[in-house]
Amino acid sequence: MILLSSIQIAYIISAIIAGLLIIALFVVLIFQNAYAPKHIRELTYMKLSRICNENDYLLLNNYRIPIDDSNIGSIDHIVISNKFIIIINDFSLSGIISGSATNEKLKAFGKKGANLIVNPLNYNINLTKRLALFNDLNNSLIKGLVVIHNNSQINVTNSIGQFRMIKLKDLKKTIKEFDKEPVKKLKEDDVVRFIKYLNDNNK
């Protein structure tokens, strides 16, 4: 029988723990690079569910509404907090996202080079205008968030405070920031009318 000293045992245990940590790191990296970008909607939903449960917010998902006579808009998630209605759409964008928030297109720089993409912030702006118009709501009561996965980098300038592009990890912080703004709470009648419009026009 081979007897090991306490130092040798400690070394072996340390090596095993180090090996497990390396394996765990590889698993996390694989998740971030392969799974997360393709499943941003499911990940956003799971995070929003926790946020809404913790704060007694209302969460609605998967609505399609007419933007005009020929176009249908899609809303992935809607959070109704104490003070705002927050329209949230998630996009599987990779790499470095840069440009001006007010431009029609942004630049996405990834492993395959740079590509121009339609600015998703404008999509949320158009949805918000439509929802405010047909619900007789003050436009400022509806916020818009574009959520992308944590591996991306956001270098978008000229930020529009009411509409933001954020990483998934900043979702909770951003919603809490909205709800700390010094405005009156939403009226129950406005919320009921808003939900009725969504359900009546969901295509």
Foldseek 3Di string as FASTA:
>chain_A
DDDDDPVVVVVVVVVVVVVVVVVVVVVVVCCQPPVCLVPVLVLLVVVVVVLCVVQVWDKDAWFWFDLDPPDIAIFGMWIQHFQAIETEDEHSAAAEWEDELPDQWIWHQDPVGIDIDGRVQVSQVSVLVSLCVVLVHDSLRYAYEYEYAPNYHYHYPPDDLRYYYDYSVCVSVSVVVVVPDPDHTDDPVSVVSSVVVRVVGGD
